[in-house]
């Protein structure tokens, strides 16, 4: 799947209601798990996490000289 140009995966685990996710921003790989019975909610949570990470990485970049 893709959100804001970031490829990510969300997959069921062997435990019902637990989803494992992963995405990469630059050279950093982020992984984790979320608990929900609804697959679309698991996807949305990963998208929100991507948004937070993109906002954080944008705040760390120096402003271009101009």
PDB file of N, CA and C in Angstrom:
ATOM      1  N   UNK A   1       0.833  -1.173   0.000  1.00  0.00           N
ATOM      2  CA  UNK A   1       0.000   0.000   0.000  1.00  0.00           C
ATOM      3  C   UNK A   1       0.882   1.242   0.000  1.00  0.00           C
ATOM      4  N   UNK A   2       0.270   2.376  -0.313  1.00  0.00           N
ATOM      5  CA  UNK A   2       1.028   3.611  -0.408  1.00  0.00           C
ATOM      6  C   UNK A   2       0.237   4.741   0.253  1.00  0.00           C
ATOM      7  N   UNK A   3       0.931   5.543   1.057  1.00  0.00           N
ATOM      8  CA  UNK A   3       0.331   6.716   1.698  1.00  0.00           C
ATOM      9  C   UNK A   3       1.343   7.849   1.620  1.00  0.00           C
ATOM     10  N   UNK A   4       0.983   8.924   0.938  1.00  0.00           N
ATOM     11  CA  UNK A   4       1.843  10.100   0.774  1.00  0.00           C
ATOM     12  C   UNK A   4       3.212   9.733   0.201  1.00  0.00           C
ATOM     13  N   UNK A   5       3.227   8.783  -0.711  1.00  0.00           N
ATOM     14  CA  UNK A   5       4.467   8.372  -1.354  1.00  0.00           C
ATOM     15  C   UNK A   5       5.292   7.384  -0.549  1.00  0.00           C
ATOM     16  N   UNK A   6       4.784   6.939   0.593  1.00  0.00           N
ATOM     17  CA  UNK A   6       5.495   5.986   1.452  1.00  0.00           C
ATOM     18  C   UNK A   6       4.827   4.621   1.300  1.00  0.00           C
ATOM     19  N   UNK A   7       5.603   3.630   0.889  1.00  0.00           N
ATOM     20  CA  UNK A   7       5.098   2.267   0.805  1.00  0.00           C
ATOM     21  C   UNK A   7       5.026   1.679   2.214  1.00  0.00           C
ATOM     22  N   UNK A   8       3.921   0.986   2.515  1.00  0.00           N
ATOM     23  CA  UNK A   8       3.791   0.342   3.814  1.00  0.00           C
ATOM     24  C   UNK A   8       3.040  -0.969   3.679  1.00  0.00           C
ATOM     25  N   UNK A   9       3.225  -1.826   4.672  1.00  0.00           N
ATOM     26  CA  UNK A   9       2.520  -3.104   4.715  1.00  0.00           C
ATOM     27  C   UNK A   9       1.801  -3.230   6.047  1.00  0.00           C
ATOM     28  N   UNK A  10       0.659  -3.889   5.998  1.00  0.00           N
ATOM     29  CA  UNK A  10      -0.105  -4.238   7.195  1.00  0.00           C
ATOM     30  C   UNK A  10      -0.528  -5.692   7.010  1.00  0.00           C
ATOM     31  N   UNK A  11      -0.217  -6.535   7.992  1.00  0.00           N
ATOM     32  CA  UNK A  11      -0.517  -7.957   7.858  1.00  0.00           C
ATOM     33  C   UNK A  11      -1.054  -8.518   9.169  1.00  0.00           C
ATOM     34  N   UNK A  12      -1.968  -9.477   9.047  1.00  0.00           N
ATOM     35  CA  UNK A  12      -2.483 -10.182  10.222  1.00  0.00           C
ATOM     36  C   UNK A  12      -1.358 -11.006  10.832  1.00  0.00           C
ATOM     37  N   UNK A  13      -1.419 -11.170  12.132  1.00  0.00           N
ATOM     38  CA  UNK A  13      -0.488 -12.067  12.810  1.00  0.00           C
ATOM     39  C   UNK A  13      -1.247 -13.335  13.182  1.00  0.00           C
ATOM     40  N   UNK A  14      -0.565 -14.262  13.812  1.00  0.00           N
ATOM     41  CA  UNK A  14      -1.201 -15.503  14.252  1.00  0.00           C
ATOM     42  C   UNK A  14      -2.197 -15.239  15.381  1.00  0.00           C
ATOM     43  N   UNK A  15      -2.060 -14.111  16.052  1.00  0.00           N
ATOM     44  CA  UNK A  15      -2.954 -13.755  17.156  1.00  0.00           C
ATOM     45  C   UNK A  15      -4.119 -12.950  16.580  1.00  0.00           C
ATOM     46  N   UNK A  16      -5.351 -13.407  16.777  1.00  0.00           N
ATOM     47  CA  UNK A  16      -6.505 -12.668  16.241  1.00  0.00           C
ATOM     48  C   UNK A  16      -6.567 -11.239  16.784  1.00  0.00           C
ATOM     49  N   UNK A  17      -6.833 -10.291  15.885  1.00  0.00           N
ATOM     50  CA  UNK A  17      -6.966  -8.899  16.286  1.00  0.00           C
ATOM     51  C   UNK A  17      -5.661  -8.131  16.391  1.00  0.00           C
ATOM     52  N   UNK A  18      -4.544  -8.773  16.106  1.00  0.00           N
ATOM     53  CA  UNK A  18      -3.234  -8.107  16.138  1.00  0.00           C
ATOM     54  C   UNK A  18      -2.704  -8.021  14.707  1.00  0.00           C
ATOM     55  N   UNK A  19      -2.301  -6.820  14.336  1.00  0.00           N
ATOM     56  CA  UNK A  19      -1.793  -6.540  12.996  1.00  0.00           C
ATOM     57  C   UNK A  19      -0.355  -6.039  13.097  1.00  0.00           C
ATOM     58  N   UNK A  20       0.498  -6.518  12.223  1.00  0.00           N
ATOM     59  CA  UNK A  20       1.890  -6.078  12.173  1.00  0.00           C
ATOM     60  C   UNK A  20       2.048  -5.153  10.983  1.00  0.00           C
ATOM     61  N   UNK A  21       2.781  -4.053  11.165  1.00  0.00           N
ATOM     62  CA  UNK A  21       2.965  -3.082  10.095  1.00  0.00           C
ATOM     63  C   UNK A  21       4.430  -2.715   9.946  1.00  0.00           C
ATOM     64  N   UNK A  22       4.748  -2.163   8.774  1.00  0.00           N
ATOM     65  CA  UNK A  22       6.124  -1.735   8.487  1.00  0.00           C
ATOM     66  C   UNK A  22       6.101  -0.687   7.388  1.00  0.00           C
ATOM     67  N   UNK A  23       6.972   0.310   7.523  1.00  0.00           N
ATOM     68  CA  UNK A  23       7.187   1.278   6.457  1.00  0.00           C
ATOM     69  C   UNK A  23       8.587   1.838   6.570  1.00  0.00           C
ATOM     70  N   UNK A  24       9.048   2.491   5.495  1.00  0.00           N
ATOM     71  CA  UNK A  24      10.391   3.065   5.446  1.00  0.00           C
ATOM     72  C   UNK A  24      10.288   4.523   5.029  1.00  0.00           C
ATOM     73  N   UNK A  25      10.961   5.387   5.786  1.00  0.00           N
ATOM     74  CA  UNK A  25      11.109   6.789   5.409  1.00  0.00           C
ATOM     75  C   UNK A  25      12.603   7.051   5.352  1.00  0.00           C
ATOM     76  N   UNK A  26      13.102   7.323   4.149  1.00  0.00           N
ATOM     77  CA  UNK A  26      14.539   7.489   3.979  1.00  0.00           C
ATOM     78  C   UNK A  26      15.244   6.179   4.269  1.00  0.00           C
ATOM     79  N   UNK A  27      16.212   6.215   5.176  1.00  0.00           N
ATOM     80  CA  UNK A  27      16.928   4.989   5.523  1.00  0.00           C
ATOM     81  C   UNK A  27      16.422   4.379   6.823  1.00  0.00           C
ATOM     82  N   UNK A  28      15.360   4.924   7.381  1.00  0.00           N
ATOM     83  CA  UNK A  28      14.796   4.395   8.629  1.00  0.00           C
ATOM     84  C   UNK A  28      13.602   3.496   8.347  1.00  0.00           C
ATOM     85  N   UNK A  29      13.635   2.293   8.899  1.00  0.00           N
ATOM     86  CA  UNK A  29      12.520   1.364   8.797  1.00  0.00           C
ATOM     87  C   UNK A  29      11.772   1.390  10.126  1.00  0.00           C
ATOM     88  N   UNK A  30      10.474   1.617  10.056  1.00  0.00           N
ATOM     89  CA  UNK A  30       9.629   1.635  11.242  1.00  0.00           C
ATOM     90  C   UNK A  30       8.748   0.395  11.208  1.00  0.00           C
ATOM     91  N   UNK A  31       8.664  -0.291  12.332  1.00  0.00           N
ATOM     92  CA  UNK A  31       7.817  -1.474  12.440  1.00  0.00           C
ATOM     93  C   UNK A  31       7.039  -1.407  13.736  1.00  0.00           C
ATOM     94  N   UNK A  32       5.943  -2.132  13.780  1.00  0.00           N
ATOM     95  CA  UNK A  32       5.169  -2.182  15.010  1.00  0.00           C
ATOM     96  C   UNK A  32       3.954  -3.061  14.854  1.00  0.00           C
ATOM     97  N   UNK A  33       3.138  -3.040  15.902  1.00  0.00           N
ATOM     98  CA  UNK A  33       1.909  -3.817  15.915  1.00  0.00           C
ATOM     99  C   UNK A  33       0.790  -2.926  16.421  1.00  0.00           C
ATOM    100  N   UNK A  34      -0.421  -3.235  15.976  1.00  0.00           N
ATOM    101  CA  UNK A  34      -1.595  -2.536  16.467  1.00  0.00           C
ATOM    102  C   UNK A  34      -2.682  -3.573  16.723  1.00  0.00           C
ATOM    103  N   UNK A  35      -3.566  -3.256  17.647  1.00  0.00           N
ATOM    104  CA  UNK A  35      -4.625  -4.191  18.011  1.00  0.00           C
ATOM    105  C   UNK A  35      -5.982  -3.636  17.594  1.00  0.00           C
ATOM    106  N   UNK A  36      -6.656  -4.356  16.706  1.00  0.00           N
ATOM    107  CA  UNK A  36      -8.008  -4.031  16.277  1.00  0.00           C
ATOM    108  C   UNK A  36      -8.561  -5.216  15.491  1.00  0.00           C
ATOM    109  N   UNK A  37      -9.852  -5.364  15.507  1.00  0.00           N
ATOM    110  CA  UNK A  37     -10.473  -6.429  14.728  1.00  0.00           C
ATOM    111  C   UNK A  37     -10.812  -5.981  13.314  1.00  0.00           C
ATOM    112  N   UNK A  38     -10.682  -4.668  13.055  1.00  0.00           N
ATOM    113  CA  UNK A  38     -11.084  -4.105  11.769  1.00  0.00           C
ATOM    114  C   UNK A  38      -9.841  -3.784  10.939  1.00  0.00           C
ATOM    115  N   UNK A  39      -9.737  -4.409   9.778  1.00  0.00           N
ATOM    116  CA  UNK A  39      -8.542  -4.219   8.951  1.00  0.00           C
ATOM    117  C   UNK A  39      -8.369  -2.768   8.495  1.00  0.00           C
ATOM    118  N   UNK A  40      -9.453  -2.091   8.148  1.00  0.00           N
ATOM    119  CA  UNK A  40      -9.330  -0.706   7.699  1.00  0.00           C
ATOM    120  C   UNK A  40      -8.846   0.218   8.816  1.00  0.00           C
ATOM    121  N   UNK A  41      -9.195  -0.091  10.044  1.00  0.00           N
ATOM    122  CA  UNK A  41      -8.710   0.705  11.171  1.00  0.00           C
ATOM    123  C   UNK A  41      -7.210   0.491  11.365  1.00  0.00           C
ATOM    124  N   UNK A  42      -6.746  -0.725  11.191  1.00  0.00           N
ATOM    125  CA  UNK A  42      -5.307  -0.995  11.282  1.00  0.00           C
ATOM    126  C   UNK A  42      -4.549  -0.205  10.222  1.00  0.00           C
ATOM    127  N   UNK A  43      -5.088  -0.173   9.013  1.00  0.00           N
ATOM    128  CA  UNK A  43      -4.462   0.585   7.922  1.00  0.00           C
ATOM    129  C   UNK A  43      -4.447   2.071   8.257  1.00  0.00           C
ATOM    130  N   UNK A  44      -5.559   2.588   8.754  1.00  0.00           N
ATOM    131  CA  UNK A  44      -5.644   4.017   9.083  1.00  0.00           C
ATOM    132  C   UNK A  44      -4.645   4.387  10.170  1.00  0.00           C
ATOM    133  N   UNK A  45      -4.467   3.527  11.141  1.00  0.00           N
ATOM    134  CA  UNK A  45      -3.501   3.805  12.209  1.00  0.00           C
ATOM    135  C   UNK A  45      -2.084   3.898  11.664  1.00  0.00           C
ATOM    136  N   UNK A  46      -1.752   3.056  10.708  1.00  0.00           N
ATOM    137  CA  UNK A  46      -0.422   3.124  10.098  1.00  0.00           C
ATOM    138  C   UNK A  46      -0.283   4.415   9.295  1.00  0.00           C
ATOM    139  N   UNK A  47      -1.330   4.809   8.582  1.00  0.00           N
ATOM    140  CA  UNK A  47      -1.288   6.055   7.829  1.00  0.00           C
ATOM    141  C   UNK A  47      -1.080   7.253   8.758  1.00  0.00           C
ATOM    142  N   UNK A  48      -1.731   7.258   9.897  1.00  0.00           N
ATOM    143  CA  UNK A  48      -1.534   8.331  10.865  1.00  0.00           C
ATOM    144  C   UNK A  48      -0.112   8.329  11.407  1.00  0.00           C
ATOM    145  N   UNK A  49       0.448   7.154  11.618  1.00  0.00           N
ATOM    146  CA  UNK A  49       1.836   7.045  12.086  1.00  0.00           C
ATOM    147  C   UNK A  49       2.799   7.588  11.034  1.00  0.00           C
ATOM    148  N   UNK A  50       2.527   7.278   9.767  1.00  0.00           N
ATOM    149  CA  UNK A  50       3.346   7.812   8.681  1.00  0.00           C
ATOM    150  C   UNK A  50       3.272   9.335   8.674  1.00  0.00           C
ATOM    151  N   UNK A  51       2.062   9.883   8.827  1.00  0.00           N
ATOM    152  CA  UNK A  51       1.903  11.337   8.867  1.00  0.00           C
ATOM    153  C   UNK A  51       2.738  11.947   9.984  1.00  0.00           C
ATOM    154  N   UNK A  52       2.719  11.348  11.174  1.00  0.00           N
ATOM    155  CA  UNK A  52       3.517  11.859  12.303  1.00  0.00           C
ATOM    156  C   UNK A  52       5.002  11.811  11.995  1.00  0.00           C
ATOM    157  N   UNK A  53       5.457  10.713  11.420  1.00  0.00           N
ATOM    158  CA  UNK A  53       6.883  10.571  11.114  1.00  0.00           C
ATOM    159  C   UNK A  53       7.311  11.553  10.019  1.00  0.00           C
ATOM    160  N   UNK A  54       6.457  11.771   9.017  1.00  0.00           N
ATOM    161  CA  UNK A  54       6.791  12.741   7.980  1.00  0.00           C
ATOM    162  C   UNK A  54       6.862  14.151   8.558  1.00  0.00           C
ATOM    163  N   UNK A  55       5.940  14.475   9.439  1.00  0.00           N
ATOM    164  CA  UNK A  55       5.946  15.792  10.072  1.00  0.00           C
ATOM    165  C   UNK A  55       7.198  15.970  10.928  1.00  0.00           C
ATOM    166  N   UNK A  56       7.566  14.926  11.662  1.00  0.00           N
ATOM    167  CA  UNK A  56       8.766  14.978  12.506  1.00  0.00           C
ATOM    168  C   UNK A  56      10.019  15.141  11.652  1.00  0.00           C
ATOM    169  N   UNK A  57      10.119  14.389  10.553  1.00  0.00           N
ATOM    170  CA  UNK A  57      11.319  14.479   9.710  1.00  0.00           C
ATOM    171  C   UNK A  57      11.380  15.818   8.985  1.00  0.00           C
ATOM    172  N   UNK A  58      10.227  16.403   8.648  1.00  0.00           N
ATOM    173  CA  UNK A  58      10.216  17.719   8.009  1.00  0.00           C
ATOM    174  C   UNK A  58      10.693  18.794   8.980  1.00  0.00           C
ATOM    175  N   UNK A  59      10.408  18.637  10.250  1.00  0.00           N
ATOM    176  CA  UNK A  59      10.839  19.597  11.261  1.00  0.00           C
ATOM    177  C   UNK A  59      12.328  19.530  11.536  1.00  0.00           C
ATOM    178  N   UNK A  60      12.967  18.427  11.200  1.00  0.00           N
ATOM    179  CA  UNK A  60      14.400  18.266  11.461  1.00  0.00           C
ATOM    180  C   UNK A  60      15.259  18.743  10.303  1.00  0.00           C
ATOM    181  N   UNK A  61      14.668  18.956   9.140  1.00  0.00           N
ATOM    182  CA  UNK A  61      15.441  19.406   7.987  1.00  0.00           C
ATOM    183  C   UNK A  61      15.773  20.883   8.101  1.00  0.00           C
ATOM    184  N   UNK A  62      16.980  21.262   7.737  1.00  0.00           N
ATOM    185  CA  UNK A  62      17.298  22.689   7.726  1.00  0.00           C
ATOM    186  C   UNK A  62      16.588  23.400   6.589  1.00  0.00           C
ATOM    187  N   UNK A  63      16.255  24.656   6.792  1.00  0.00           N
ATOM    188  CA  UNK A  63      15.591  25.461   5.768  1.00  0.00           C
ATOM    189  C   UNK A  63      16.562  25.703   4.623  1.00  0.00           C
ATOM    190  N   UNK A  64      16.097  25.642   3.356  1.00  0.00           N
ATOM    191  CA  UNK A  64      16.998  25.915   2.242  1.00  0.00           C
ATOM    192  C   UNK A  64      17.388  27.394   2.220  1.00  0.00           C
ATOM    193  N   UNK A  65      18.640  27.652   1.895  1.00  0.00           N
ATOM    194  CA  UNK A  65      19.129  29.035   1.829  1.00  0.00           C
ATOM    195  C   UNK A  65      18.511  29.718   0.615  1.00  0.00           C
ATOM    196  N   UNK A  66      18.108  30.951   0.774  1.00  0.00           N
ATOM    197  CA  UNK A  66      17.514  31.586  -0.382  1.00  0.00           C
ATOM    198  C   UNK A  66      17.335  32.985  -0.130  1.00  0.00           C
TER     199      UNK A  66
END
